[in-house]
Amino acid sequence: MDIPTFLRDNNLLSPLFFLSTTIFILFLVKRTKILVFKSIENLPPGPPQFPLIGNLLQVGDKPHVSMANFAKKYGPLISLRLGKQLVVVASSLEAAMGILKTQDRFLSSRSIPAAFQQKPLLPHSLIWSDCNQTWKNLRTLCRTELFSAKSLESQSILREEKVRQLLDFLYRNQGQVIDIEDVVFTTLLNTLSCIIFGKDMAQFADHGCGSTRDGLKESLHQVIEYGGRVKDVGSFYPMLERFDLHGLTRATKKVFDKVFACWEVVIEERRVVVGSTTWSSDHQALTFLDRMLENGFSNEQIYQLVMELFVAGTNTTTSTIIWVMTELIRHKEVMSKIEQEIQKHIISDQIPISQLSQLTYLQACIKETFRLHPPVPLLLPHLAVETCNVMNYTIPKNTKIFVNVWAMGRDPTLWDDPCRYNPERFTDLKLDYKGQDFELLPFGSGRRMCPGLPSGIKSVEYILASLIHEFDWGVPNGDDPSKLDVNEKFGIAMKRENPLKLIFKQKCYKDC
């Protein structure tokens, strides 16, 4: 029998894995005298399990697809055993509401991937910490200073400047084949770094230039890659977690330390300024770093929060833009409608952010892309803090919980012709992605809903509108654009399996 891809890719069949498994088995024999899982009454149904490994071999390297297939056979709420870890997966509107709304209070903790288990930093985490007062304070600070309507308005000039730099780079490279993901990622990273630190931290250039700024971009890519490796022995057998058998925690810490060393210089420079006698309480903070320093943040608190803002603010937003571009390249008639909409409403050379609200068909395309290609197909994992009931099934304490929004986006009971890319379904259907309409939950819902939604959507709309307004896009080598692949790569965000390489030329509206 072939070895599943995720086992090969993550070295689960290495001698170290077999050694750790042997230790684990002996430990079970000594402590419990049994080698089977203790049954729990009234769990959600699920596929048959193998001794010790449970359903690990059945999940594969695209768990959102496997779990969607399980749901078709066993129902909208299923249970699995991944090693020793009990997992419950919701794949319907009713099941999602039960987890994210009805029982949100009891199911709102986090199951933390191995890569992000940096013990000294976790108490300062916005994404992974429990719903305690520190977490509430962090969310309030970010909503007020970064994601509020007032903050987004104040960031408009900066966002327009960064997109202008993106367009200037593309003007200089017309006729070349580009990896659109890289230039979008760079734009988002620089937008965030200017908001937080007041300076660019990446550049549009080859990765081989060796500069410090490119080093940050590469480091973030590494963190994202490590965070997406969910098939870790310690995740399945918690008693082995401390040994970090795949080295993910150590590898991520090494990258963190490298990045933090660069940030420390910037932080200390601003700490001196903010702490000086000339800095009064009514002095307007120039950056988000200033605001954190005013609130007495330690370096460790700043490191953790900024790293999470960078990872979340670049990764999923880039992924969404790339998937929209993929579908627009595949569907020329949809691209044409967006172009006509932009020409109708935009008369200036560069699109003002204030006019994005007029581009309703573009917004429909983004919603349709969220439906078919949600950036986090299983959302971030929840953890039950108390035993509770969902759909008359028992969800025991410490159960890991996923909501399969990818499966919900393909549910024929919710959507007509669900596998067809059809933005028109959203021109009449008044559904939104802000957590109230459970048919469409790319950012989740409830107390763990992504607080950066307003900023992320603003970036998606503005970058897409600008790219479409300025350039005609196509695939290299005269290939048929309608045949462009939509193969997925599962990770901390769902990306294309193959990079999106495109050719482009400047549009001619008047004189060229």
Protein backbone atom coordinates (compact mmCIF):
# COMPACT_ATOMS: atom_id res chain seq x y z
CA MET A 1 0.00 0.00 0.00
CA ASP A 2 1.28 3.50 -0.85
CA ILE A 3 2.44 5.66 2.01
CA PRO A 4 0.13 8.66 2.45
CA THR A 5 1.72 11.92 1.32
CA PHE A 6 1.46 13.61 4.70
CA LEU A 7 3.40 10.78 6.32
CA ARG A 8 6.20 11.09 3.80
CA ASP A 9 6.30 14.88 3.93
CA ASN A 10 6.39 15.06 7.71
CA ASN A 11 8.74 12.12 8.36
CA LEU A 12 6.22 10.29 10.51
CA LEU A 13 7.75 7.01 9.33
CA SER A 14 11.24 7.90 10.56
CA PRO A 15 13.01 5.75 13.15
CA LEU A 16 12.44 8.52 15.67
CA PHE A 17 8.70 8.23 15.10
CA PHE A 18 8.76 4.47 15.68
CA LEU A 19 10.89 4.92 18.77
CA SER A 20 8.54 7.54 20.17
CA THR A 21 5.54 5.37 19.36
CA THR A 22 7.12 2.45 21.20
CA ILE A 23 7.75 4.63 24.24
CA PHE A 24 4.19 5.84 24.06
CA ILE A 25 2.80 2.28 23.93
CA LEU A 26 4.90 1.18 26.89
CA PHE A 27 3.73 4.19 28.83
CA LEU A 28 0.11 3.27 28.14
CA VAL A 29 0.70 -0.31 29.20
CA LYS A 30 2.26 0.82 32.46
CA ARG A 31 -0.29 3.48 33.31
CA THR A 32 -3.55 2.04 32.03
CA LYS A 33 -2.88 -1.63 31.22
CA ILE A 34 -4.96 -1.21 28.05
CA LEU A 35 -4.24 -0.26 24.46
CA VAL A 36 -7.67 0.92 23.40
CA PHE A 37 -9.38 4.24 23.87
CA LYS A 38 -11.90 4.54 26.61
CA SER A 39 -15.30 4.90 24.98
CA ILE A 40 -17.33 8.03 25.55
CA GLU A 41 -21.07 7.75 25.25
CA ASN A 42 -22.98 9.75 22.67
CA LEU A 43 -20.07 11.08 20.63
CA PRO A 44 -20.89 12.24 17.11
CA PRO A 45 -20.61 9.39 14.59
CA GLY A 46 -17.49 8.89 12.54
CA PRO A 47 -15.42 6.41 10.52
CA PRO A 48 -13.99 3.23 12.09
CA GLN A 49 -10.73 3.70 13.97
CA PHE A 50 -7.50 1.72 14.04
CA PRO A 51 -5.89 0.90 17.39
CA LEU A 52 -3.49 3.57 18.63
CA ILE A 53 -3.49 5.70 15.48
CA GLY A 54 -7.25 6.17 15.22
CA ASN A 55 -8.15 7.81 11.89
CA LEU A 56 -4.72 9.27 11.10
CA LEU A 57 -4.22 7.27 7.90
CA GLN A 58 -7.66 8.26 6.62
CA VAL A 59 -7.21 12.02 6.87
CA GLY A 60 -4.50 12.51 4.25
CA ASP A 61 -2.76 15.72 3.22
CA LYS A 62 -6.00 17.58 2.46
CA PRO A 63 -7.98 17.11 5.67
CA HIS A 64 -10.71 19.57 4.67
CA VAL A 65 -11.56 17.32 1.70
CA SER A 66 -11.35 14.07 3.70
CA MET A 67 -13.53 15.48 6.47
CA ALA A 68 -16.07 16.73 3.93
CA ASN A 69 -16.27 13.21 2.52
CA PHE A 70 -16.72 11.77 6.02
CA ALA A 71 -19.57 14.23 6.60
CA LYS A 72 -21.38 12.99 3.50
CA LYS A 73 -21.37 9.49 4.96
CA TYR A 74 -21.68 10.02 8.72
CA GLY A 75 -23.48 13.36 9.04
CA PRO A 76 -22.79 17.08 9.54
CA LEU A 77 -21.14 16.59 12.96
CA ILE A 78 -18.52 13.84 13.10
CA SER A 79 -15.88 12.64 15.54
CA LEU A 80 -12.42 11.31 14.75
CA ARG A 81 -9.42 10.06 16.67
CA LEU A 82 -6.12 11.43 15.48
CA GLY A 83 -3.74 9.41 17.60
CA LYS A 84 -4.92 10.06 21.15
CA GLN A 85 -6.60 13.37 20.29
CA LEU A 86 -10.39 13.42 20.01
CA VAL A 87 -11.51 15.69 17.16
CA VAL A 88 -15.00 16.90 16.28
CA VAL A 89 -15.74 18.47 12.89
CA ALA A 90 -18.79 20.54 11.95
CA SER A 91 -19.72 20.67 8.25
CA SER A 92 -23.20 22.21 8.14
CA LEU A 93 -24.89 25.47 9.01
CA GLU A 94 -26.64 23.95 12.04
CA ALA A 95 -23.48 22.30 13.35
CA ALA A 96 -21.45 25.49 12.88
CA MET A 97 -24.06 27.52 14.76
CA GLY A 98 -23.98 25.01 17.60
CA ILE A 99 -20.21 25.43 17.98
CA LEU A 100 -19.64 29.11 17.18
CA LYS A 101 -22.85 30.55 18.62
CA THR A 102 -24.91 28.32 20.92
CA GLN A 103 -21.95 26.77 22.77
CA ASP A 104 -19.37 29.43 21.95
CA ARG A 105 -18.70 30.05 25.64
CA PHE A 106 -17.58 26.45 26.22
CA LEU A 107 -15.80 25.86 22.90
CA SER A 108 -13.75 29.03 22.54
CA SER A 109 -10.31 27.98 23.74
CA ARG A 110 -7.54 27.22 21.27
CA SER A 111 -5.64 24.10 20.28
CA ILE A 112 -2.15 25.41 19.58
CA PRO A 113 -0.04 24.02 16.68
CA ALA A 114 3.43 22.84 17.66
CA ALA A 115 5.16 25.63 15.76
CA PHE A 116 3.47 28.30 17.88
CA GLN A 117 4.00 26.75 21.28
CA GLN A 118 6.60 29.30 22.33
CA LYS A 119 5.95 29.10 26.08
CA PRO A 120 7.32 32.49 27.22
CA LEU A 121 5.30 34.29 24.53
CA LEU A 122 1.95 32.46 24.66
CA PRO A 123 0.49 34.52 27.57
CA HIS A 124 0.77 37.56 25.28
CA SER A 125 -0.95 35.94 22.29
CA LEU A 126 -3.98 37.43 20.59
CA ILE A 127 -4.65 34.29 18.54
CA TRP A 128 -3.75 31.39 20.82
CA SER A 129 -4.32 32.48 24.42
CA ASP A 130 -7.49 31.71 26.38
CA CYS A 131 -10.35 34.22 26.47
CA ASN A 132 -9.01 35.97 29.56
CA GLN A 133 -8.74 39.65 30.44
CA THR A 134 -5.35 40.03 28.75
CA TRP A 135 -6.80 38.61 25.54
CA LYS A 136 -9.79 40.99 25.77
CA ASN A 137 -7.46 43.95 26.28
CA LEU A 138 -5.39 42.99 23.23
CA ARG A 139 -8.47 42.67 21.04
CA THR A 140 -9.77 46.02 22.23
CA LEU A 141 -6.44 47.71 21.52
CA CYS A 142 -6.20 46.23 18.02
CA ARG A 143 -9.80 47.01 17.15
CA THR A 144 -9.43 50.60 18.32
CA GLU A 145 -6.00 51.40 16.92
CA LEU A 146 -5.84 49.21 13.79
CA PHE A 147 -9.22 47.96 12.63
CA SER A 148 -11.80 50.61 13.51
CA ALA A 149 -13.43 52.75 10.81
CA LYS A 150 -11.50 55.77 12.11
CA SER A 151 -8.18 53.90 11.99
CA LEU A 152 -8.80 52.54 8.50
CA GLU A 153 -9.65 56.03 7.29
CA SER A 154 -6.40 57.38 8.73
CA GLN A 155 -4.47 54.59 6.95
CA SER A 156 -5.93 55.40 3.50
CA ILE A 157 -3.07 57.58 2.27
CA LEU A 158 -0.51 54.99 3.38
CA ARG A 159 -2.40 52.14 1.68
CA GLU A 160 -2.66 54.14 -1.54
CA GLU A 161 1.09 54.85 -1.41
CA LYS A 162 1.95 51.17 -0.99
CA VAL A 163 -0.31 50.11 -3.85
CA ARG A 164 1.23 52.84 -6.02
CA GLN A 165 4.65 51.30 -5.27
CA LEU A 166 3.26 47.91 -6.32
CA LEU A 167 1.95 49.34 -9.60
CA ASP A 168 5.22 51.17 -10.28
CA PHE A 169 7.11 47.90 -9.84
CA LEU A 170 4.77 46.19 -12.28
CA TYR A 171 5.11 49.03 -14.84
CA ARG A 172 8.87 48.48 -14.80
CA ASN A 173 8.48 44.75 -15.36
CA GLN A 174 5.88 44.58 -18.11
CA GLY A 175 6.40 41.68 -20.48
CA GLN A 176 7.94 39.49 -17.80
CA VAL A 177 6.34 36.49 -16.16
CA ILE A 178 5.82 37.28 -12.49
CA ASP A 179 4.84 35.36 -9.40
CA ILE A 180 1.91 37.56 -8.41
CA GLU A 181 1.83 36.06 -4.91
CA ASP A 182 5.27 37.44 -4.06
CA VAL A 183 4.53 41.02 -5.08
CA VAL A 184 1.16 41.02 -3.29
CA PHE A 185 2.75 39.59 -0.14
CA THR A 186 5.46 42.27 -0.25
CA THR A 187 2.86 45.02 -0.60
CA LEU A 188 0.84 43.75 2.36
CA LEU A 189 3.95 43.30 4.49
CA ASN A 190 5.14 46.84 3.83
CA THR A 191 1.68 48.26 4.49
CA LEU A 192 1.59 46.54 7.88
CA SER A 193 5.19 47.37 8.76
CA CYS A 194 4.58 51.06 8.05
CA ILE A 195 1.45 51.04 10.21
CA ILE A 196 3.26 49.25 13.04
CA PHE A 197 6.88 50.45 12.78
CA GLY A 198 6.70 53.42 10.43
CA LYS A 199 9.01 51.90 7.80
CA ASP A 200 9.12 49.33 4.99
CA MET A 201 10.53 45.93 5.87
CA ALA A 202 10.50 44.22 2.48
CA GLN A 203 11.28 45.09 -1.10
CA PHE A 204 10.29 44.09 -4.63
CA ALA A 205 13.43 42.21 -5.57
CA ASP A 206 14.92 38.79 -5.98
CA HIS A 207 15.13 36.69 -2.82
CA GLY A 208 18.86 36.29 -3.36
CA CYS A 209 19.82 39.89 -2.66
CA GLY A 210 20.61 39.05 0.96
CA SER A 211 19.28 42.23 2.51
CA THR A 212 17.88 42.40 6.03
CA ARG A 213 14.48 43.43 4.74
CA ASP A 214 14.23 40.44 2.41
CA GLY A 215 15.32 38.34 5.38
CA LEU A 216 12.13 39.31 7.21
CA LYS A 217 9.99 38.28 4.26
CA GLU A 218 11.71 34.92 4.06
CA SER A 219 11.41 34.45 7.82
CA LEU A 220 7.67 35.06 7.71
CA HIS A 221 7.34 32.51 4.93
CA GLN A 222 9.18 30.01 7.13
CA VAL A 223 6.89 30.68 10.12
CA ILE A 224 3.83 30.24 7.89
CA GLU A 225 5.25 27.00 6.52
CA TYR A 226 6.03 25.59 9.98
CA GLY A 227 2.62 26.63 11.31
CA GLY A 228 0.90 24.74 8.50
CA ARG A 229 2.56 21.43 9.34
CA VAL A 230 -0.32 20.12 11.40
CA LYS A 231 0.77 16.48 11.15
CA ASP A 232 3.03 16.52 14.18
CA VAL A 233 3.42 13.55 16.53
CA GLY A 234 3.00 15.74 19.60
CA SER A 235 -0.36 16.97 18.30
CA PHE A 236 -1.68 13.42 18.26
CA TYR A 237 -0.03 12.14 21.43
CA PRO A 238 0.11 15.02 23.96
CA MET A 239 2.46 13.19 26.30
CA LEU A 240 5.11 13.33 23.55
CA GLU A 241 4.54 17.01 22.88
CA ARG A 242 7.33 18.12 25.22
CA PHE A 243 9.93 16.23 23.17
CA ASP A 244 9.24 18.26 19.98
CA LEU A 245 10.08 15.18 17.90
CA HIS A 246 9.73 16.96 14.54
CA GLY A 247 11.63 19.99 15.78
CA LEU A 248 8.87 22.41 14.77
CA THR A 249 8.93 24.34 18.05
CA ARG A 250 12.72 24.66 17.96
CA ALA A 251 12.79 25.62 14.28
CA THR A 252 10.12 28.28 14.76
CA LYS A 253 11.90 29.66 17.84
CA LYS A 254 15.09 30.01 15.80
CA VAL A 255 13.25 32.06 13.19
CA PHE A 256 11.48 34.10 15.88
CA ASP A 257 14.78 34.91 17.59
CA LYS A 258 16.26 36.09 14.29
CA VAL A 259 13.32 38.39 13.57
CA PHE A 260 13.03 39.67 17.13
CA ALA A 261 16.70 40.64 17.15
CA CYS A 262 16.03 42.96 14.19
CA TRP A 263 12.88 44.39 15.76
CA GLU A 264 14.60 45.01 19.10
CA VAL A 265 16.68 47.84 17.67
CA VAL A 266 13.60 49.64 16.34
CA ILE A 267 11.65 49.06 19.55
CA GLU A 268 14.39 50.37 21.82
CA GLU A 269 14.84 53.49 19.72
CA ARG A 270 11.15 54.32 20.01
CA ARG A 271 11.04 53.34 23.69
CA VAL A 272 13.58 56.07 24.43
CA VAL A 273 11.49 58.65 22.55
CA VAL A 274 8.15 57.64 24.07
CA GLY A 275 9.69 57.51 27.55
CA SER A 276 11.31 60.93 27.30
CA THR A 277 10.12 63.93 29.27
CA THR A 278 9.09 65.69 26.06
CA TRP A 279 6.55 62.94 25.26
CA SER A 280 3.27 64.04 26.83
CA SER A 281 0.11 62.00 27.30
CA ASP A 282 -1.68 64.01 24.62
CA HIS A 283 1.11 63.50 22.09
CA GLN A 284 -0.25 61.78 19.02
CA ALA A 285 1.27 58.35 18.50
CA LEU A 286 2.88 58.06 15.07
CA THR A 287 2.73 54.27 14.84
CA PHE A 288 1.09 51.30 16.48
CA LEU A 289 4.45 50.62 18.16
CA ASP A 290 4.17 54.01 19.88
CA ARG A 291 0.73 53.07 21.14
CA MET A 292 1.96 49.74 22.52
CA LEU A 293 4.83 51.48 24.29
CA GLU A 294 2.43 54.04 25.76
CA ASN A 295 0.47 51.10 27.18
CA GLY A 296 3.57 49.73 28.90
CA PHE A 297 4.13 46.71 26.65
CA SER A 298 7.31 44.72 27.26
CA ASN A 299 9.45 43.66 24.31
CA GLU A 300 8.06 40.10 24.60
CA GLN A 301 4.48 41.38 24.39
CA ILE A 302 5.35 43.45 21.32
CA TYR A 303 7.18 40.56 19.65
CA GLN A 304 4.25 38.16 20.02
CA LEU A 305 1.52 40.57 18.95
CA VAL A 306 3.44 41.98 15.99
CA MET A 307 4.41 38.51 14.75
CA GLU A 308 0.77 37.45 14.83
CA LEU A 309 -0.33 40.61 13.06
CA PHE A 310 2.24 40.04 10.33
CA VAL A 311 1.44 36.35 9.84
CA ALA A 312 -2.34 36.80 9.90
CA GLY A 313 -2.31 40.08 8.00
CA THR A 314 -0.20 38.88 5.09
CA ASN A 315 -0.90 35.18 4.68
CA THR A 316 -4.68 34.86 4.42
CA THR A 317 -5.06 38.17 2.58
CA THR A 318 -2.48 37.17 -0.02
CA SER A 319 -4.15 33.79 -0.41
CA THR A 320 -7.55 35.40 -1.01
CA ILE A 321 -6.19 37.81 -3.64
CA ILE A 322 -4.44 34.96 -5.47
CA TRP A 323 -7.58 32.81 -5.52
CA VAL A 324 -9.68 35.70 -6.84
CA MET A 325 -7.13 36.35 -9.59
CA THR A 326 -7.09 32.65 -10.42
CA GLU A 327 -10.85 32.55 -10.89
CA LEU A 328 -10.90 35.81 -12.88
CA ILE A 329 -8.22 34.50 -15.25
CA ARG A 330 -10.27 31.31 -15.67
CA HIS A 331 -13.52 33.21 -16.29
CA LYS A 332 -12.94 36.01 -18.81
CA GLU A 333 -16.57 37.09 -18.76
CA VAL A 334 -16.36 37.75 -15.02
CA MET A 335 -13.13 39.74 -15.43
CA SER A 336 -14.81 41.80 -18.17
CA LYS A 337 -17.73 42.69 -15.91
CA ILE A 338 -15.36 43.94 -13.20
CA GLU A 339 -13.43 46.00 -15.76
CA GLN A 340 -16.67 47.58 -16.98
CA GLU A 341 -17.72 48.33 -13.41
CA ILE A 342 -14.41 50.03 -12.67
CA GLN A 343 -14.55 52.11 -15.86
CA LYS A 344 -18.10 53.19 -15.01
CA HIS A 345 -17.35 54.37 -11.46
CA ILE A 346 -13.64 55.31 -11.45
CA ILE A 347 -12.46 58.31 -13.45
CA SER A 348 -9.07 58.96 -11.85
CA ASP A 349 -5.77 57.31 -12.81
CA GLN A 350 -5.46 55.59 -9.45
CA ILE A 351 -8.50 54.23 -7.66
CA PRO A 352 -9.25 56.15 -4.46
CA ILE A 353 -9.97 53.89 -1.50
CA SER A 354 -13.06 55.99 -0.78
CA GLN A 355 -14.69 54.72 -4.00
CA LEU A 356 -14.30 51.00 -3.35
CA SER A 357 -17.86 50.78 -2.00
CA GLN A 358 -19.16 51.43 -5.54
CA LEU A 359 -17.56 48.25 -6.88
CA THR A 360 -20.38 45.91 -5.89
CA TYR A 361 -19.68 43.26 -8.53
CA LEU A 362 -16.05 43.01 -7.40
CA GLN A 363 -17.36 42.50 -3.87
CA ALA A 364 -19.62 39.71 -5.16
CA CYS A 365 -16.57 38.05 -6.76
CA ILE A 366 -14.69 38.21 -3.47
CA LYS A 367 -17.62 36.60 -1.64
CA GLU A 368 -17.85 33.85 -4.25
CA THR A 369 -14.12 33.22 -3.84
CA PHE A 370 -14.52 33.02 -0.06
CA ARG A 371 -17.23 30.41 -0.65
CA LEU A 372 -15.14 28.17 -2.91
CA HIS A 373 -11.66 28.95 -1.56
CA PRO A 374 -11.93 30.00 2.11
CA PRO A 375 -8.49 31.16 3.28
CA VAL A 376 -8.62 28.91 6.38
CA PRO A 377 -10.79 25.97 5.25
CA LEU A 378 -11.19 24.43 8.73
CA LEU A 379 -10.91 27.76 10.58
CA LEU A 380 -8.38 27.86 13.40
CA PRO A 381 -8.88 24.93 15.80
CA HIS A 382 -11.06 25.47 18.86
CA LEU A 383 -10.72 23.51 22.12
CA ALA A 384 -13.53 22.61 24.49
CA VAL A 385 -13.01 24.09 27.96
CA GLU A 386 -16.07 22.26 29.30
CA THR A 387 -18.14 19.25 28.24
CA CYS A 388 -21.25 20.36 26.37
CA ASN A 389 -23.82 19.20 23.79
CA VAL A 390 -24.10 20.11 20.12
CA MET A 391 -26.91 18.68 17.98
CA ASN A 392 -27.70 16.28 20.84
CA TYR A 393 -24.15 14.85 20.80
CA THR A 394 -21.59 15.10 23.60
CA ILE A 395 -18.47 17.21 23.06
CA PRO A 396 -16.10 16.24 25.90
CA LYS A 397 -13.74 18.67 27.56
CA ASN A 398 -10.38 19.05 25.75
CA THR A 399 -11.83 18.00 22.39
CA LYS A 400 -10.24 19.71 19.40
CA ILE A 401 -12.90 21.24 17.17
CA PHE A 402 -12.91 22.28 13.53
CA VAL A 403 -15.56 24.01 11.45
CA ASN A 404 -15.22 22.91 7.83
CA VAL A 405 -16.25 26.07 6.00
CA TRP A 406 -14.79 24.59 2.81
CA ALA A 407 -17.39 21.81 2.95
CA MET A 408 -20.16 24.28 3.79
CA GLY A 409 -19.27 26.32 0.70
CA ARG A 410 -19.91 23.23 -1.43
CA ASP A 411 -23.07 22.10 0.32
CA PRO A 412 -25.82 21.61 -2.33
CA THR A 413 -28.49 22.22 0.32
CA LEU A 414 -27.10 25.76 0.76
CA TRP A 415 -25.96 26.59 -2.78
CA ASP A 416 -27.25 25.93 -6.28
CA ASP A 417 -24.64 24.32 -8.51
CA PRO A 418 -22.09 24.68 -5.68
CA CYS A 419 -18.94 23.78 -7.64
CA ARG A 420 -19.54 26.50 -10.25
CA TYR A 421 -17.87 29.89 -9.86
CA ASN A 422 -20.83 32.23 -10.13
CA PRO A 423 -20.51 35.69 -8.51
CA GLU A 424 -24.04 36.57 -9.67
CA ARG A 425 -25.41 34.49 -6.83
CA PHE A 426 -24.26 37.27 -4.48
CA THR A 427 -25.63 40.20 -6.46
CA ASP A 428 -29.16 39.35 -5.32
CA LEU A 429 -28.36 37.24 -2.25
CA LYS A 430 -27.69 39.65 0.61
CA LEU A 431 -25.24 37.47 2.52
CA ASP A 432 -22.17 38.88 4.21
CA TYR A 433 -18.98 37.40 5.67
CA LYS A 434 -19.03 39.27 8.98
CA GLY A 435 -20.03 36.32 11.14
CA GLN A 436 -23.82 36.71 11.20
CA ASP A 437 -24.63 34.69 8.06
CA PHE A 438 -23.45 31.16 8.79
CA GLU A 439 -23.62 30.13 5.16
CA LEU A 440 -20.43 32.16 4.61
CA LEU A 441 -17.86 32.14 7.43
CA PRO A 442 -14.35 32.76 6.02
CA PHE A 443 -13.43 34.72 9.17
CA GLY A 444 -15.35 32.57 11.66
CA SER A 445 -17.95 33.86 14.10
CA GLY A 446 -18.42 34.43 17.80
CA ARG A 447 -15.79 35.60 20.25
CA ARG A 448 -12.95 34.03 18.26
CA MET A 449 -13.90 35.69 15.00
CA CYS A 450 -10.93 37.32 13.25
CA PRO A 451 -10.69 40.92 14.54
CA GLY A 452 -8.69 41.99 11.48
CA LEU A 453 -11.55 41.40 9.03
CA PRO A 454 -12.10 45.11 8.17
CA SER A 455 -8.42 45.66 7.39
CA GLY A 456 -8.07 42.44 5.42
CA ILE A 457 -11.12 43.12 3.28
CA LYS A 458 -9.97 46.67 2.58
CA SER A 459 -6.63 45.33 1.32
CA VAL A 460 -8.24 42.60 -0.81
CA GLU A 461 -10.65 45.01 -2.49
CA TYR A 462 -8.10 47.75 -3.07
CA ILE A 463 -5.27 45.62 -4.43
CA LEU A 464 -7.58 43.63 -6.72
CA ALA A 465 -9.31 46.73 -8.06
CA SER A 466 -5.95 48.39 -8.73
CA LEU A 467 -4.45 45.38 -10.50
CA ILE A 468 -7.51 45.01 -12.73
CA HIS A 469 -7.78 48.75 -13.40
CA GLU A 470 -4.17 49.14 -14.50
CA PHE A 471 -3.32 45.91 -16.38
CA ASP A 472 -4.59 43.20 -18.68
CA TRP A 473 -3.71 39.78 -17.29
CA GLY A 474 -3.06 36.40 -18.88
CA VAL A 475 -1.19 33.13 -18.57
CA PRO A 476 2.25 32.54 -20.15
CA ASN A 477 3.05 30.49 -23.24
CA GLY A 478 -0.32 30.99 -24.86
CA ASP A 479 -1.97 28.45 -22.56
CA ASP A 480 -5.76 28.31 -22.31
CA PRO A 481 -6.63 30.48 -19.28
CA SER A 482 -9.86 28.55 -18.68
CA LYS A 483 -7.71 25.47 -17.98
CA LEU A 484 -5.71 27.15 -15.23
CA ASP A 485 -5.53 24.67 -12.36
CA VAL A 486 -7.22 25.22 -9.00
CA ASN A 487 -5.29 22.57 -7.08
CA GLU A 488 -5.00 23.38 -3.38
CA LYS A 489 -2.23 23.11 -0.82
CA PHE A 490 -3.48 22.81 2.75
CA GLY A 491 -1.69 24.81 5.43
CA ILE A 492 -2.17 27.60 7.91
CA ALA A 493 -3.92 29.23 4.94
CA MET A 494 -5.10 27.36 1.84
CA LYS A 495 -2.84 28.32 -1.03
CA ARG A 496 -2.53 27.23 -4.62
CA GLU A 497 -0.50 24.08 -5.00
CA ASN A 498 1.36 25.71 -7.89
CA PRO A 499 2.45 29.38 -7.94
CA LEU A 500 0.27 31.71 -10.00
CA LYS A 501 2.61 32.87 -12.78
CA LEU A 502 1.08 35.57 -14.96
CA ILE A 503 1.94 37.94 -17.81
CA PHE A 504 0.50 41.44 -17.97
CA LYS A 505 0.48 44.67 -19.91
CA GLN A 506 -0.73 48.16 -19.10
CA LYS A 507 -4.28 48.98 -20.17
CA CYS A 508 -4.83 51.68 -22.76
CA TYR A 509 -7.71 53.92 -21.77
CA LYS A 510 -6.67 57.06 -23.64
CA ASP A 511 -3.21 57.68 -25.07
CA CYS A 512 -0.63 54.96 -24.48
